[in-house]
Amino acid sequence: MTEAERVRQVLTAIFRRRGGEGRYTRLFENLPAAQQAELRNEASVGAGELPVIGSVQASERWLLITTERIVWREKSSVHSVPVEQVHHVDPEGFNARWKTEMGTLRIETVGHETHIVSVEPGAPLCGIWNVLRNLEARNQAKQGSAG
């Protein structure tokens, strides 16, 4: 098993256990084939990069989490954050009913950039947040051992 396959397996398990699929958001292999092809093309998925979670709410609003990047499109702009740059993730506008109502996560990078990412509320938001928190913890552990 390659490192990318191992990472995909871990992130898939976290998404299933700590959240789940929704109307638009699914494990990549559970998306319709046309959406898989569209996301691979739009996100320019590279060789050795494995898609894990995909969400297509509209042609101008999608999200793809791979073993190497978080890629999303809002209107005419495509954004990308390498997974090793994830420093902190939390829900935007946290409140008592955030799990069912909130639809955005704030990603802070190691370089102190902040990105707001739209996600499907409910179980998909919880699953994606926990996947990104896992990446955050991995990155902090690497920084701790490198320092």
C-alpha atoms as a PDB file:
ATOM      1  CA  MET A   1       0.000   0.000   0.000  1.00  0.00           C
ATOM      2  CA  THR A   2       1.378   3.411  -0.979  1.00  0.00           C
ATOM      3  CA  GLU A   3       1.453   6.359   1.411  1.00  0.00           C
ATOM      4  CA  ALA A   4      -1.306   8.071  -0.604  1.00  0.00           C
ATOM      5  CA  GLU A   5      -3.499   4.960  -0.350  1.00  0.00           C
ATOM      6  CA  ARG A   6      -2.892   4.805   3.399  1.00  0.00           C
ATOM      7  CA  VAL A   7      -3.812   8.486   3.820  1.00  0.00           C
ATOM      8  CA  ARG A   8      -6.970   8.009   1.718  1.00  0.00           C
ATOM      9  CA  GLN A   9      -7.944   5.015   3.848  1.00  0.00           C
ATOM     10  CA  VAL A  10      -7.509   6.977   7.109  1.00  0.00           C
ATOM     11  CA  LEU A  11      -9.374  10.071   5.841  1.00  0.00           C
ATOM     12  CA  THR A  12     -12.197   7.899   4.473  1.00  0.00           C
ATOM     13  CA  ALA A  13     -12.607   6.196   7.853  1.00  0.00           C
ATOM     14  CA  ILE A  14     -12.679   9.552   9.670  1.00  0.00           C
ATOM     15  CA  PHE A  15     -15.284  10.953   7.273  1.00  0.00           C
ATOM     16  CA  ARG A  16     -17.522   7.892   7.747  1.00  0.00           C
ATOM     17  CA  ARG A  17     -17.098   7.721  11.519  1.00  0.00           C
ATOM     18  CA  ARG A  18     -17.268  11.439  12.385  1.00  0.00           C
ATOM     19  CA  GLY A  19     -19.716  12.722   9.765  1.00  0.00           C
ATOM     20  CA  GLY A  20     -21.102  11.227   6.625  1.00  0.00           C
ATOM     21  CA  GLU A  21     -22.413  11.710   3.149  1.00  0.00           C
ATOM     22  CA  GLY A  22     -25.122  14.160   2.200  1.00  0.00           C
ATOM     23  CA  ARG A  23     -27.057  15.245  -0.841  1.00  0.00           C
ATOM     24  CA  TYR A  24     -24.047  16.792  -2.619  1.00  0.00           C
ATOM     25  CA  THR A  25     -21.081  15.571  -0.588  1.00  0.00           C
ATOM     26  CA  ARG A  26     -19.823  12.009  -0.792  1.00  0.00           C
ATOM     27  CA  LEU A  27     -16.755   9.883  -0.663  1.00  0.00           C
ATOM     28  CA  PHE A  28     -15.239  10.340  -4.103  1.00  0.00           C
ATOM     29  CA  GLU A  29     -15.855   6.752  -5.178  1.00  0.00           C
ATOM     30  CA  ASN A  30     -19.580   7.176  -4.386  1.00  0.00           C
ATOM     31  CA  LEU A  31     -20.053  10.195  -6.659  1.00  0.00           C
ATOM     32  CA  PRO A  32     -21.604   9.647 -10.094  1.00  0.00           C
ATOM     33  CA  ALA A  33     -18.940   8.911 -12.741  1.00  0.00           C
ATOM     34  CA  ALA A  34     -19.654  12.191 -14.567  1.00  0.00           C
ATOM     35  CA  GLN A  35     -19.028  14.205 -11.373  1.00  0.00           C
ATOM     36  CA  GLN A  36     -15.845  12.250 -10.679  1.00  0.00           C
ATOM     37  CA  ALA A  37     -14.540  13.070 -14.169  1.00  0.00           C
ATOM     38  CA  GLU A  38     -15.562  16.720 -13.838  1.00  0.00           C
ATOM     39  CA  LEU A  39     -13.827  17.126 -10.471  1.00  0.00           C
ATOM     40  CA  ARG A  40     -10.655  15.354 -11.643  1.00  0.00           C
ATOM     41  CA  ASN A  41     -10.509  17.650 -14.663  1.00  0.00           C
ATOM     42  CA  GLU A  42     -11.458  20.918 -12.917  1.00  0.00           C
ATOM     43  CA  ALA A  43      -9.047  20.299 -10.032  1.00  0.00           C
ATOM     44  CA  SER A  44      -6.255  18.994 -12.301  1.00  0.00           C
ATOM     45  CA  VAL A  45      -5.705  15.919 -10.141  1.00  0.00           C
ATOM     46  CA  GLY A  46      -2.118  14.808 -10.594  1.00  0.00           C
ATOM     47  CA  ALA A  47      -0.533  11.386 -10.880  1.00  0.00           C
ATOM     48  CA  GLY A  48      -0.294   9.765  -7.471  1.00  0.00           C
ATOM     49  CA  GLU A  49      -2.836  12.205  -5.989  1.00  0.00           C
ATOM     50  CA  LEU A  50      -5.917  10.319  -4.805  1.00  0.00           C
ATOM     51  CA  PRO A  51      -9.353  11.971  -4.479  1.00  0.00           C
ATOM     52  CA  VAL A  52     -11.026  11.276  -1.126  1.00  0.00           C
ATOM     53  CA  ILE A  53     -14.151  13.465  -0.726  1.00  0.00           C
ATOM     54  CA  GLY A  54     -16.062  15.356  -3.395  1.00  0.00           C
ATOM     55  CA  SER A  55     -18.964  17.768  -3.317  1.00  0.00           C
ATOM     56  CA  VAL A  56     -20.723  19.281  -6.314  1.00  0.00           C
ATOM     57  CA  GLN A  57     -23.487  21.725  -5.418  1.00  0.00           C
ATOM     58  CA  ALA A  58     -23.382  23.469  -8.805  1.00  0.00           C
ATOM     59  CA  SER A  59     -20.972  23.767 -11.741  1.00  0.00           C
ATOM     60  CA  GLU A  60     -19.515  26.893 -10.116  1.00  0.00           C
ATOM     61  CA  ARG A  61     -19.511  25.555  -6.551  1.00  0.00           C
ATOM     62  CA  TRP A  62     -17.625  22.386  -5.768  1.00  0.00           C
ATOM     63  CA  LEU A  63     -15.074  20.967  -3.346  1.00  0.00           C
ATOM     64  CA  LEU A  64     -12.521  18.181  -3.665  1.00  0.00           C
ATOM     65  CA  ILE A  65     -10.289  16.852  -0.910  1.00  0.00           C
ATOM     66  CA  THR A  66      -7.434  14.705  -2.154  1.00  0.00           C
ATOM     67  CA  THR A  67      -4.453  13.118  -0.461  1.00  0.00           C
ATOM     68  CA  GLU A  68      -2.446  16.212  -1.438  1.00  0.00           C
ATOM     69  CA  ARG A  69      -4.799  19.213  -1.607  1.00  0.00           C
ATOM     70  CA  ILE A  70      -8.073  20.834  -0.703  1.00  0.00           C
ATOM     71  CA  VAL A  71      -9.432  22.343  -3.927  1.00  0.00           C
ATOM     72  CA  TRP A  72     -12.663  24.296  -4.276  1.00  0.00           C
ATOM     73  CA  ARG A  73     -14.455  26.564  -6.676  1.00  0.00           C
ATOM     74  CA  GLU A  74     -16.621  29.528  -5.750  1.00  0.00           C
ATOM     75  CA  LYS A  75     -18.099  31.210  -8.818  1.00  0.00           C
ATOM     76  CA  SER A  76     -15.249  31.906 -11.243  1.00  0.00           C
ATOM     77  CA  SER A  77     -12.347  31.312  -8.828  1.00  0.00           C
ATOM     78  CA  VAL A  78     -10.623  27.996  -8.120  1.00  0.00           C
ATOM     79  CA  HIS A  79      -8.661  27.837  -4.856  1.00  0.00           C
ATOM     80  CA  SER A  80      -6.225  25.249  -3.570  1.00  0.00           C
ATOM     81  CA  VAL A  81      -4.450  24.593  -0.280  1.00  0.00           C
ATOM     82  CA  PRO A  82      -1.850  21.817   0.024  1.00  0.00           C
ATOM     83  CA  VAL A  83      -2.795  19.481   2.895  1.00  0.00           C
ATOM     84  CA  GLU A  84       0.593  20.017   4.548  1.00  0.00           C
ATOM     85  CA  GLN A  85      -0.233  23.740   4.839  1.00  0.00           C
ATOM     86  CA  VAL A  86      -3.367  23.227   6.985  1.00  0.00           C
ATOM     87  CA  HIS A  87      -2.638  24.813  10.371  1.00  0.00           C
ATOM     88  CA  HIS A  88      -6.096  25.312  11.929  1.00  0.00           C
ATOM     89  CA  VAL A  89      -9.692  24.617  10.891  1.00  0.00           C
ATOM     90  CA  ASP A  90     -12.940  25.657  12.538  1.00  0.00           C
ATOM     91  CA  PRO A  91     -16.538  26.373  11.595  1.00  0.00           C
ATOM     92  CA  GLU A  92     -17.214  29.951  10.557  1.00  0.00           C
ATOM     93  CA  GLY A  93     -19.802  31.599  12.836  1.00  0.00           C
ATOM     94  CA  PHE A  94     -19.912  28.857  15.493  1.00  0.00           C
ATOM     95  CA  ASN A  95     -23.236  28.727  17.395  1.00  0.00           C
ATOM     96  CA  ALA A  96     -25.393  26.202  19.234  1.00  0.00           C
ATOM     97  CA  ARG A  97     -27.037  24.903  16.040  1.00  0.00           C
ATOM     98  CA  TRP A  98     -23.987  25.115  13.766  1.00  0.00           C
ATOM     99  CA  LYS A  99     -23.972  21.441  12.741  1.00  0.00           C
ATOM    100  CA  THR A 100     -27.315  21.677  10.977  1.00  0.00           C
ATOM    101  CA  GLU A 101     -27.162  25.294   9.849  1.00  0.00           C
ATOM    102  CA  MET A 102     -23.550  26.249   9.243  1.00  0.00           C
ATOM    103  CA  GLY A 103     -22.183  25.846   5.758  1.00  0.00           C
ATOM    104  CA  THR A 104     -18.640  27.207   5.936  1.00  0.00           C
ATOM    105  CA  LEU A 105     -15.298  26.222   7.405  1.00  0.00           C
ATOM    106  CA  ARG A 106     -12.358  28.562   7.958  1.00  0.00           C
ATOM    107  CA  ILE A 107      -8.967  27.117   7.064  1.00  0.00           C
ATOM    108  CA  GLU A 108      -5.852  28.881   8.356  1.00  0.00           C
ATOM    109  CA  THR A 109      -2.583  27.903   6.703  1.00  0.00           C
ATOM    110  CA  VAL A 110       0.925  27.636   8.084  1.00  0.00           C
ATOM    111  CA  GLY A 111       1.643  30.875   6.170  1.00  0.00           C
ATOM    112  CA  HIS A 112      -1.188  32.663   8.061  1.00  0.00           C
ATOM    113  CA  GLU A 113      -3.571  32.815   5.095  1.00  0.00           C
ATOM    114  CA  THR A 114      -7.270  32.387   5.843  1.00  0.00           C
ATOM    115  CA  HIS A 115      -9.665  30.665   3.453  1.00  0.00           C
ATOM    116  CA  ILE A 116     -13.426  30.314   3.820  1.00  0.00           C
ATOM    117  CA  VAL A 117     -14.738  27.116   2.234  1.00  0.00           C
ATOM    118  CA  SER A 118     -18.434  26.416   1.629  1.00  0.00           C
ATOM    119  CA  VAL A 119     -19.526  22.931   2.671  1.00  0.00           C
ATOM    120  CA  GLU A 120     -22.827  21.109   2.902  1.00  0.00           C
ATOM    121  CA  PRO A 121     -24.316  21.528   6.424  1.00  0.00           C
ATOM    122  CA  GLY A 122     -24.941  18.622   8.770  1.00  0.00           C
ATOM    123  CA  ALA A 123     -23.079  15.324   8.613  1.00  0.00           C
ATOM    124  CA  PRO A 124     -20.948  16.364   5.588  1.00  0.00           C
ATOM    125  CA  LEU A 125     -19.699  19.480   7.438  1.00  0.00           C
ATOM    126  CA  CYS A 126     -18.850  17.387  10.511  1.00  0.00           C
ATOM    127  CA  GLY A 127     -17.050  14.778   8.421  1.00  0.00           C
ATOM    128  CA  ILE A 128     -15.046  17.311   6.418  1.00  0.00           C
ATOM    129  CA  TRP A 129     -14.176  19.317   9.541  1.00  0.00           C
ATOM    130  CA  ASN A 130     -12.866  16.172  11.252  1.00  0.00           C
ATOM    131  CA  VAL A 131     -10.870  15.143   8.170  1.00  0.00           C
ATOM    132  CA  LEU A 132      -9.268  18.599   8.057  1.00  0.00           C
ATOM    133  CA  ARG A 133      -8.641  18.534  11.824  1.00  0.00           C
ATOM    134  CA  ASN A 134      -6.787  15.243  11.311  1.00  0.00           C
ATOM    135  CA  LEU A 135      -4.606  16.920   8.677  1.00  0.00           C
ATOM    136  CA  GLU A 136      -4.070  19.841  11.071  1.00  0.00           C
ATOM    137  CA  ALA A 137      -2.934  17.471  13.844  1.00  0.00           C
ATOM    138  CA  ARG A 138      -0.581  15.608  11.475  1.00  0.00           C
ATOM    139  CA  ASN A 139       0.986  18.876  10.386  1.00  0.00           C
ATOM    140  CA  GLN A 140       1.436  20.105  13.962  1.00  0.00           C
ATOM    141  CA  ALA A 141       3.022  16.781  14.926  1.00  0.00           C
ATOM    142  CA  LYS A 142       5.450  17.075  11.994  1.00  0.00           C
ATOM    143  CA  GLN A 143       6.328  20.645  12.980  1.00  0.00           C
ATOM    144  CA  GLY A 144       6.866  19.552  16.578  1.00  0.00           C
ATOM    145  CA  SER A 145       9.197  16.737  15.584  1.00  0.00           C
ATOM    146  CA  ALA A 146      11.068  18.942  13.112  1.00  0.00           C
ATOM    147  CA  GLY A 147      11.679  21.674  15.685  1.00  0.00           C
END
